[in-house]
Protein backbone atom coordinates (compact mmCIF):
# COMPACT_ATOMS: atom_id res chain seq x y z
CA MET A 1 112.43 113.09 179.41
CA ALA A 2 114.47 110.61 177.68
CA LYS A 3 118.59 111.43 177.68
CA ASN A 4 120.16 110.35 174.64
CA THR A 5 123.06 108.67 175.66
CA LYS A 6 126.14 108.02 173.56
CA LEU A 7 127.37 104.38 173.19
CA THR A 8 130.76 103.34 174.57
CA ASP A 9 133.13 101.43 172.27
CA GLU A 10 132.37 98.27 174.65
CA ASP A 11 128.83 98.73 173.92
CA GLU A 12 128.97 98.58 170.51
CA GLU A 13 131.42 95.62 170.55
CA LEU A 14 128.92 93.78 172.28
CA LEU A 15 125.95 94.39 170.52
CA ALA A 16 127.83 93.88 166.92
CA GLU A 17 128.47 89.88 168.72
CA LEU A 18 124.86 89.80 169.47
CA GLY A 19 124.71 90.63 165.31
CA ILE A 20 122.59 93.95 166.24
CA GLU A 21 124.00 96.64 163.22
CA VAL A 22 124.24 100.02 164.94
CA GLU A 23 123.57 103.26 162.54
CA VAL A 24 124.05 106.63 164.22
CA THR A 25 121.69 109.59 162.57
CA LYS A 26 122.67 113.07 162.62
CA ALA A 27 120.07 115.81 162.90
CA GLY A 28 120.28 118.27 160.09
CA GLN A 29 123.01 116.09 158.39
CA TYR A 30 122.09 116.86 154.56
CA THR A 31 121.65 120.33 153.41
CA SER A 32 118.93 120.67 150.81
CA ARG A 33 121.01 120.57 147.70
CA GLU A 34 122.75 117.25 149.33
CA GLU A 35 119.05 115.60 149.68
CA ARG A 36 118.05 116.49 146.54
CA ILE A 37 121.38 115.07 144.67
CA ILE A 38 120.69 111.64 146.96
CA ALA A 39 117.49 111.54 145.78
CA GLY A 40 118.26 111.93 142.19
CA PHE A 41 120.97 108.91 142.89
CA GLU A 42 118.22 106.59 144.28
CA ASP A 43 116.26 107.39 141.31
CA ILE A 44 118.90 106.20 139.16
CA GLN A 45 119.65 103.38 141.42
CA LYS A 46 115.93 101.92 141.23
CA PHE A 47 116.28 102.24 137.27
CA VAL A 48 119.33 100.08 137.44
CA GLU A 49 117.70 97.62 139.63
CA GLU A 50 114.25 97.14 137.87
CA GLN A 51 116.00 97.72 134.38
CA GLY A 52 119.03 95.69 135.05
CA ARG A 53 120.89 98.11 133.02
CA LEU A 54 122.86 101.65 133.19
CA PRO A 55 120.30 104.27 131.88
CA GLU A 56 121.15 105.32 128.18
CA HIS A 57 121.07 108.20 125.97
CA GLY A 58 119.17 108.30 122.66
CA GLU A 59 116.08 109.33 120.99
CA ASP A 60 114.80 106.04 121.07
CA LYS A 61 114.85 106.01 124.87
CA ALA A 62 112.13 107.31 127.18
CA ILE A 63 112.56 110.56 128.75
CA PHE A 64 113.09 109.69 132.31
CA GLU A 65 115.77 107.09 131.13
CA ARG A 66 117.79 110.36 128.98
CA LEU A 67 117.18 112.19 131.97
CA TYR A 68 118.97 109.45 134.43
CA ALA A 69 121.79 109.33 132.12
CA VAL A 70 122.07 113.14 131.88
CA ARG A 71 122.02 112.85 135.54
CA LEU A 72 124.90 110.33 136.26
CA ASP A 73 127.13 111.59 133.72
CA GLN A 74 126.97 114.69 135.69
CA ILE A 75 127.26 113.59 138.98
CA ARG A 76 130.33 111.13 137.72
CA LYS A 77 132.22 114.48 136.76
CA GLN A 78 131.97 116.13 140.27
CA GLU A 79 133.74 115.10 143.04
CA GLU A 80 131.82 116.57 145.61
CA CYS A 81 128.67 114.69 144.49
CA LYS A 82 131.12 111.19 144.35
CA ASN A 83 132.37 111.96 147.85
CA LEU A 84 128.42 112.95 148.66
CA LEU A 85 126.84 109.76 147.47
CA LYS A 86 130.09 106.75 147.63
CA ASP A 87 128.49 105.47 151.24
CA PHE A 88 125.26 104.72 149.02
CA ASP A 89 126.89 103.44 145.99
CA HIS A 90 126.14 99.66 146.55
CA GLN A 91 125.80 98.84 142.37
CA ASN A 92 129.34 100.94 141.65
CA LEU A 93 127.89 103.21 139.51
CA LEU A 94 130.16 106.07 140.78
CA ASP A 95 133.25 104.15 139.52
CA GLY A 96 131.96 102.66 136.14
CA SER A 97 132.19 99.26 137.66
CA TYR A 98 129.16 98.19 137.70
CA LYS A 99 128.12 95.10 136.43
CA PRO A 100 124.28 93.60 135.44
CA ALA A 101 123.00 90.85 137.80
CA THR A 102 123.67 88.11 134.30
CA ASP A 103 127.42 88.84 134.86
CA VAL A 104 128.19 86.06 137.11
CA SER A 105 131.02 84.73 138.22
CA ASP A 106 132.34 81.20 136.33
CA ASP A 107 132.67 79.17 139.94
CA ILE A 108 129.01 80.38 141.25
CA ASP A 109 126.93 77.29 141.48
CA ASP A 110 123.96 76.25 140.28
CA ALA A 111 121.60 76.78 143.53
CA GLU A 112 123.04 80.30 143.71
CA LEU A 113 122.61 81.00 140.38
CA LEU A 114 118.78 80.03 140.26
CA ALA A 115 118.52 82.32 143.65
CA GLN A 116 119.81 85.20 141.40
CA LEU A 117 117.78 84.76 138.59
CA GLY A 118 114.67 84.46 140.83
CA VAL A 119 113.84 80.91 140.36
CA GLU A 120 113.47 78.11 143.26
CA ALA A 121 114.96 74.96 142.70
CA ASP A 122 112.57 71.87 142.41
CA ASP A 123 114.76 68.76 144.21
CA GLU A 124 111.95 66.73 141.73
CA SER A 125 113.27 67.73 138.78
CA SER A 126 116.67 68.38 136.68
CA ILE A 127 118.90 71.64 137.75
CA THR A 128 118.16 72.59 133.72
CA ASN A 129 114.47 72.21 134.10
CA LEU A 130 114.06 75.98 134.33
CA LYS A 131 110.43 77.36 134.89
CA HIS A 132 108.60 80.45 134.24
CA VAL A 133 112.10 82.23 133.58
CA LYS A 134 111.31 85.35 131.91
CA THR A 135 114.14 86.77 129.35
CA ARG A 136 115.21 90.26 129.54
CA ALA A 137 113.38 90.52 126.33
CA ASP A 138 110.18 89.30 127.49
CA LYS A 139 110.82 91.56 130.87
CA ARG A 140 111.41 94.65 128.44
CA ALA A 141 108.50 93.97 126.43
CA ALA A 142 105.79 93.84 129.30
CA GLU A 143 107.71 97.31 130.74
CA GLU A 144 107.18 99.17 127.17
CA ILE A 145 103.44 98.33 127.07
CA ALA A 146 102.96 99.18 130.28
CA ASN A 147 105.18 102.62 130.04
CA ARG A 148 102.00 104.35 128.09
CA THR A 149 101.68 108.09 128.28
CA PRO A 150 98.58 110.14 127.88
CA CYS A 151 98.02 110.34 124.18
CA VAL A 152 97.59 114.30 123.97
CA ASP A 153 96.48 114.28 120.13
CA PHE A 154 93.51 111.61 120.44
CA GLU A 155 90.79 113.11 119.09
CA GLU A 156 92.31 112.88 115.66
CA PHE A 157 91.65 109.05 116.53
CA ARG A 158 88.73 108.67 118.41
CA VAL A 159 86.30 108.33 115.36
CA SER A 160 88.13 105.68 113.89
CA PHE A 161 88.26 103.87 117.31
CA GLU A 162 84.65 104.00 117.64
CA SER A 163 84.00 103.05 114.04
CA VAL A 164 85.84 100.03 114.19
CA LYS A 165 84.06 98.75 117.47
CA LYS A 166 81.15 99.07 115.61
CA ASP A 167 82.46 97.26 112.74
CA ILE A 168 83.15 94.48 115.08
CA ASP A 169 79.79 94.43 116.79
CA THR A 170 78.21 94.13 113.34
CA GLY A 171 80.31 91.64 112.06
CA PHE A 172 81.82 94.27 109.16
CA ARG A 173 85.30 93.20 111.26
CA LYS A 174 86.41 90.65 112.30
CA SER A 175 88.76 89.97 115.35
CA ILE A 176 91.48 86.64 114.76
CA ARG A 177 93.34 85.39 117.37
CA PHE A 178 97.15 85.67 117.32
CA ARG A 179 98.46 82.60 115.85
CA LYS A 180 101.48 81.49 117.80
CA ASP A 181 102.10 78.80 115.53
CA ALA A 182 102.68 80.96 112.72
CA GLY A 183 106.22 81.53 114.39
CA PHE A 184 107.74 84.87 115.95
CA THR A 185 109.87 86.26 113.64
CA LYS A 186 107.07 85.37 110.49
CA THR A 187 104.47 87.57 112.32
CA THR A 188 104.10 91.51 110.69
CA LEU A 189 102.53 94.47 111.63
CA LYS A 190 102.10 97.27 109.70
CA LYS A 191 100.84 100.87 110.01
CA GLY A 192 97.48 101.60 110.13
CA GLN A 193 96.63 98.40 111.77
CA PHE A 194 93.97 97.69 114.73
CA LEU A 195 94.97 94.83 117.50
CA ILE A 196 93.80 93.81 120.58
CA ILE A 197 95.98 94.01 123.41
CA GLY A 198 96.00 93.29 127.34
CA GLY A 199 91.75 93.84 126.41
CA GLN A 200 92.50 97.22 124.87
CA ILE A 201 91.62 97.98 120.98
CA SER A 202 95.12 98.96 120.01
CA TYR A 203 96.26 101.10 116.43
CA ILE A 204 99.69 101.72 115.22
CA ALA A 205 99.65 104.99 114.14
CA GLU A 206 103.40 105.35 113.04
CA VAL A 207 106.19 103.13 111.78
CA GLY A 208 110.06 104.70 112.34
CA GLU A 209 112.60 104.00 110.51
CA THR A 210 114.00 99.94 110.62
CA ILE A 211 117.01 99.11 112.73
CA LYS A 212 118.78 95.84 113.26
CA ALA A 213 117.52 94.08 116.59
CA PRO A 214 120.51 91.94 118.08
CA ASN A 215 119.54 88.91 116.59
CA GLY A 216 119.64 90.62 113.35
CA GLU A 217 115.93 90.59 112.54
CA ASP A 218 114.82 93.82 111.45
CA ASP A 219 112.84 96.15 114.11
CA ALA A 220 111.29 99.39 113.99
CA ARG A 221 110.26 102.00 116.96
CA LEU A 222 106.37 102.55 116.69
CA ARG A 223 103.62 104.54 117.88
CA VAL A 224 101.01 103.21 118.99
CA ILE A 225 97.40 104.67 120.28
CA TYR A 226 95.22 103.09 122.51
CA ALA A 227 91.65 103.33 123.10
CA ASN A 228 91.94 104.71 126.68
CA ARG A 229 93.35 107.26 124.84
CA THR A 230 97.54 106.98 126.25
CA GLU A 231 99.97 105.64 123.54
CA SER A 232 103.07 104.08 124.00
CA ASN A 233 106.52 104.52 121.72
CA ILE A 234 107.29 100.64 121.38
CA LEU A 235 109.75 98.64 119.62
CA LEU A 236 107.57 96.60 116.72
CA ARG A 237 109.40 93.23 118.10
CA SER A 238 108.54 94.33 121.73
CA LEU A 239 104.84 94.64 120.58
CA ILE A 240 104.91 91.10 118.83
CA ARG A 241 106.57 89.63 121.78
CA ALA A 242 104.05 91.14 123.75
CA MET A 243 101.22 89.86 121.72
CA TYR A 244 102.78 86.38 122.08
CA LYS A 245 102.20 86.21 125.42
CA ASP A 246 99.21 87.78 125.76
CA GLU A 247 96.44 84.79 125.37
CA THR A 248 94.05 87.21 124.75
CA SER A 249 95.80 89.15 121.84
CA ARG A 250 94.26 89.61 118.58
CA PHE A 251 94.11 90.96 115.31
CA ILE A 252 91.33 93.47 113.62
CA SER A 253 90.56 92.52 110.08
CA ASP A 254 90.60 95.06 107.54
CA LEU A 255 86.79 96.40 106.94
CA THR A 256 85.23 93.47 104.96
CA LEU A 257 82.46 93.51 102.08
CA GLY A 258 81.67 89.96 102.44
CA PRO A 259 80.28 88.32 99.64
CA LEU A 260 79.57 91.57 97.80
CA PHE A 261 81.22 90.99 94.48
CA SER A 262 82.60 87.70 95.28
CA GLY A 263 81.92 84.36 93.26
CA GLU A 264 80.02 82.77 96.27
CA ASN A 265 75.98 82.92 96.43
CA SER A 266 74.26 83.37 99.53
CA ASP A 267 70.32 83.55 100.60
CA ASP A 268 70.34 87.27 100.21
CA ASP A 269 72.38 87.50 96.99
CA GLN A 270 71.05 88.91 93.82
CA GLU A 271 72.12 88.33 90.32
CA SER A 272 72.40 91.81 89.83
CA GLY A 273 71.57 95.33 91.74
CA THR A 274 71.85 98.66 91.02
CA ILE A 275 73.34 101.67 93.48
CA TYR A 276 70.57 104.85 92.79
CA ILE A 277 71.18 108.38 93.32
CA LEU A 278 67.71 110.26 93.52
CA ARG A 279 67.68 114.26 94.04
CA SER A 280 63.96 115.27 95.41
CA LEU A 281 61.72 118.10 93.64
CA SER A 282 60.35 118.72 96.81
CA ASP A 283 59.34 122.41 98.26
CA HIS A 284 60.36 121.29 101.59
CA SER A 285 62.58 124.48 102.35
CA THR A 286 65.80 122.51 103.94
CA VAL A 287 65.73 120.63 100.29
CA LYS A 288 64.78 123.58 98.01
CA GLU A 289 67.96 125.57 99.79
CA ASN A 290 70.25 122.61 98.88
CA ARG A 291 68.77 120.77 96.29
CA ASP A 292 72.25 119.53 94.65
CA ILE A 293 73.05 118.14 97.77
CA VAL A 294 70.43 116.75 99.59
CA LEU A 295 70.32 113.35 97.95
CA LYS A 296 69.23 109.53 98.81
CA ILE A 297 71.17 107.08 97.97
CA GLY A 298 69.94 103.58 97.97
CA VAL A 299 70.30 99.80 95.95
CA THR A 300 67.70 97.41 94.43
CA GLY A 301 67.98 94.48 92.96
CA GLY A 302 64.98 95.33 90.52
CA ASP A 303 64.37 98.21 88.37
CA VAL A 304 65.22 101.66 89.35
CA LYS A 305 62.38 103.11 87.84
CA LYS A 306 59.59 100.74 89.23
CA ARG A 307 60.98 101.59 92.42
CA LEU A 308 60.19 105.52 92.16
CA THR A 309 56.41 104.91 90.56
CA ASN A 310 54.72 106.11 93.43
CA ALA A 311 57.35 108.70 94.80
CA LYS A 312 55.08 111.50 95.20
CA ASN A 313 52.60 109.51 97.72
CA ASP A 314 55.87 108.10 100.03
CA PRO A 315 57.23 109.60 102.84
CA THR A 316 60.63 107.75 101.64
CA PHE A 317 60.56 110.22 98.67
CA LEU A 318 59.31 113.21 100.60
CA MET A 319 56.03 112.67 99.34
CA ALA A 320 57.63 114.41 95.95
CA ASP A 321 58.62 113.39 92.48
CA VAL A 322 62.61 112.60 92.14
CA GLU A 323 64.94 113.05 89.67
CA VAL A 324 67.37 109.73 88.89
CA ILE A 325 70.96 111.38 88.96
CA ALA A 326 72.87 108.50 88.97
CA THR A 327 73.07 104.72 88.40
CA TYR A 328 75.51 101.89 89.17
CA LYS A 329 75.04 98.66 88.06
CA LEU A 330 76.80 95.80 90.29
CA ALA A 331 76.96 92.24 89.62
CA ASN A 332 76.41 89.35 92.19
CA ILE A 333 75.79 91.57 95.64
CA ASN A 334 74.36 91.06 99.19
CA ARG A 335 71.65 94.12 98.59
CA THR A 336 71.20 94.60 102.47
CA LYS A 337 74.93 94.38 103.20
CA LEU A 338 75.79 96.78 100.44
CA GLU A 339 73.37 99.46 101.48
CA SER A 340 74.25 99.21 105.35
CA ILE A 341 77.85 100.31 104.23
CA ILE A 342 76.94 102.77 101.89
CA HIS A 343 74.74 104.37 104.66
CA LYS A 344 77.75 103.57 107.77
CA PHE A 345 80.27 105.59 105.00
CA LEU A 346 77.87 108.78 105.00
CA SER A 347 76.43 108.88 108.53
CA SER A 348 78.37 112.12 109.52
CA ALA A 349 76.51 113.45 106.27
CA LYS A 350 72.83 112.17 107.24
CA LEU A 351 69.78 114.16 107.02
CA GLU A 352 66.60 113.96 108.57
CA ILE A 353 63.65 115.62 107.45
CA GLU A 354 59.93 115.57 109.27
CA ILE A 355 57.63 115.40 106.45
CA LYS A 356 53.74 115.14 106.62
CA ASP A 357 52.16 111.77 104.94
CA ARG A 358 48.89 111.28 102.77
CA PHE A 359 46.92 110.94 106.25
CA GLY A 360 48.96 114.61 108.03
CA LYS A 361 50.81 112.39 110.66
CA LEU A 362 54.34 113.41 110.80
CA VAL A 363 57.18 111.09 109.76
CA LYS A 364 61.15 111.10 109.29
CA ALA A 365 62.88 110.09 105.99
CA ARG A 366 66.26 109.08 107.05
CA GLU A 367 68.01 107.79 104.07
CA TRP A 368 68.95 111.37 102.71
CA PHE A 369 72.75 112.43 103.22
CA LEU A 370 74.43 115.89 102.23
CA ALA A 371 76.94 114.92 99.70
CA PRO A 372 77.86 116.13 96.30
CA VAL A 373 77.67 113.51 93.47
CA PHE A 374 81.19 113.02 92.87
CA ILE A 375 81.62 112.32 96.44
CA ILE A 376 79.38 109.63 95.46
CA ASP A 377 81.24 108.74 92.66
CA GLU A 378 84.39 108.35 94.59
CA MET A 379 82.60 106.44 97.32
CA VAL A 380 81.08 103.55 94.64
CA GLU A 381 84.54 103.52 93.07
CA LYS A 382 86.13 102.43 96.21
CA ILE A 383 83.58 100.03 97.20
CA LYS A 384 84.66 98.09 93.92
CA GLU A 385 87.65 98.34 95.05
CA GLY A 386 87.44 96.92 98.19
CA THR A 387 89.10 99.86 100.35
CA ILE A 388 86.13 101.64 101.41
CA GLY A 389 87.29 100.53 104.81
CA ASP A 390 90.47 102.50 104.79
CA TYR A 391 88.53 105.62 104.29
CA TYR A 392 85.67 108.21 105.81
CA TYR A 393 84.03 111.17 104.25
CA ASP A 394 84.88 114.21 106.16
CA VAL A 395 81.35 116.06 105.61
CA ALA A 396 83.04 119.82 106.68
CA LEU A 397 85.69 119.31 104.10
CA ALA A 398 83.43 117.58 101.19
CA LYS A 399 85.84 115.38 101.37
CA ILE A 400 87.10 111.77 101.46
CA GLN A 401 89.99 110.95 103.79
CA LYS A 402 92.02 108.20 104.48
CA TYR A 403 92.68 107.08 108.05
């Protein structure tokens, strides 16, 4: 069994001359409370090392930063804590004399300055030609993007994310590359906007009060929700900066109706068209019980009455006569695209009814919806205004809601 041998003064001097540091440890040196204090102080030191500054108070700061700021204040007030931690305080945090790493003396040479900045000097290039140096603002932007927390109310946004993804897949929305040549300060973001950053579809759910950035530009704290069920509380300028640095970042356009009501013609355009709303006179049990709100909605470029001539023999019309409830005349429409938008908007109210055709075969009539007429009126108005992409139909409340 090995013996613990105490080093003599001569032994320590000899080891020192050899460049070997001797660290004497004591078993059970710290109490549990002291260990907790030390561990808490080390968390503060790590924050200072990573952020290059002291933790600060303020509602706009992350919860852990605010915690560290309070903890440091309490440690500084207690002599017991200061005495315990003084040998650990290599950053001079206890006496308030801490200086950020960027506060260097005037007589520091260029090579040492580059070393402190984490930049390797290139002998073949000018000492002023710094490459790959991240500013503190760039680092902070990257940290804020990475500092995401779980979004506890993500279910409120889930439908919107699914809808936007489907809109991109079907071409109703476009993803637009971030234009760096537009200039950083000219980029604007707004509440309700969808983006792609870091490969994730992102949504600006909230925009806080306007504040002034250090450079004098307007700034604001944002609540950004991400498709992977996380969120971040990021500054507007930090988000723009992160998009600027991300080669894959993109804007997502609002829901576009393309040439539906434009003056431009395409092969599928009609000189005029009609949205029609029908009520079935079928004896089908589902229809009879909900006759006032079981409606068929379609678009035709021809005469509506001619379209319905053979309704009682057509499974599309539930093998029964129908009643025209309302029509909406539109000019220069892309009929196929318009009908797709209408059916997509009312998809949550879609009703599939099985009925036998004239040969006795069961078929499904798919273009019927549970929606009162006033909802259709409101929907058509929003289509005409070009704002339909900002809304969805809440079938449970029978109400058109804004995203």
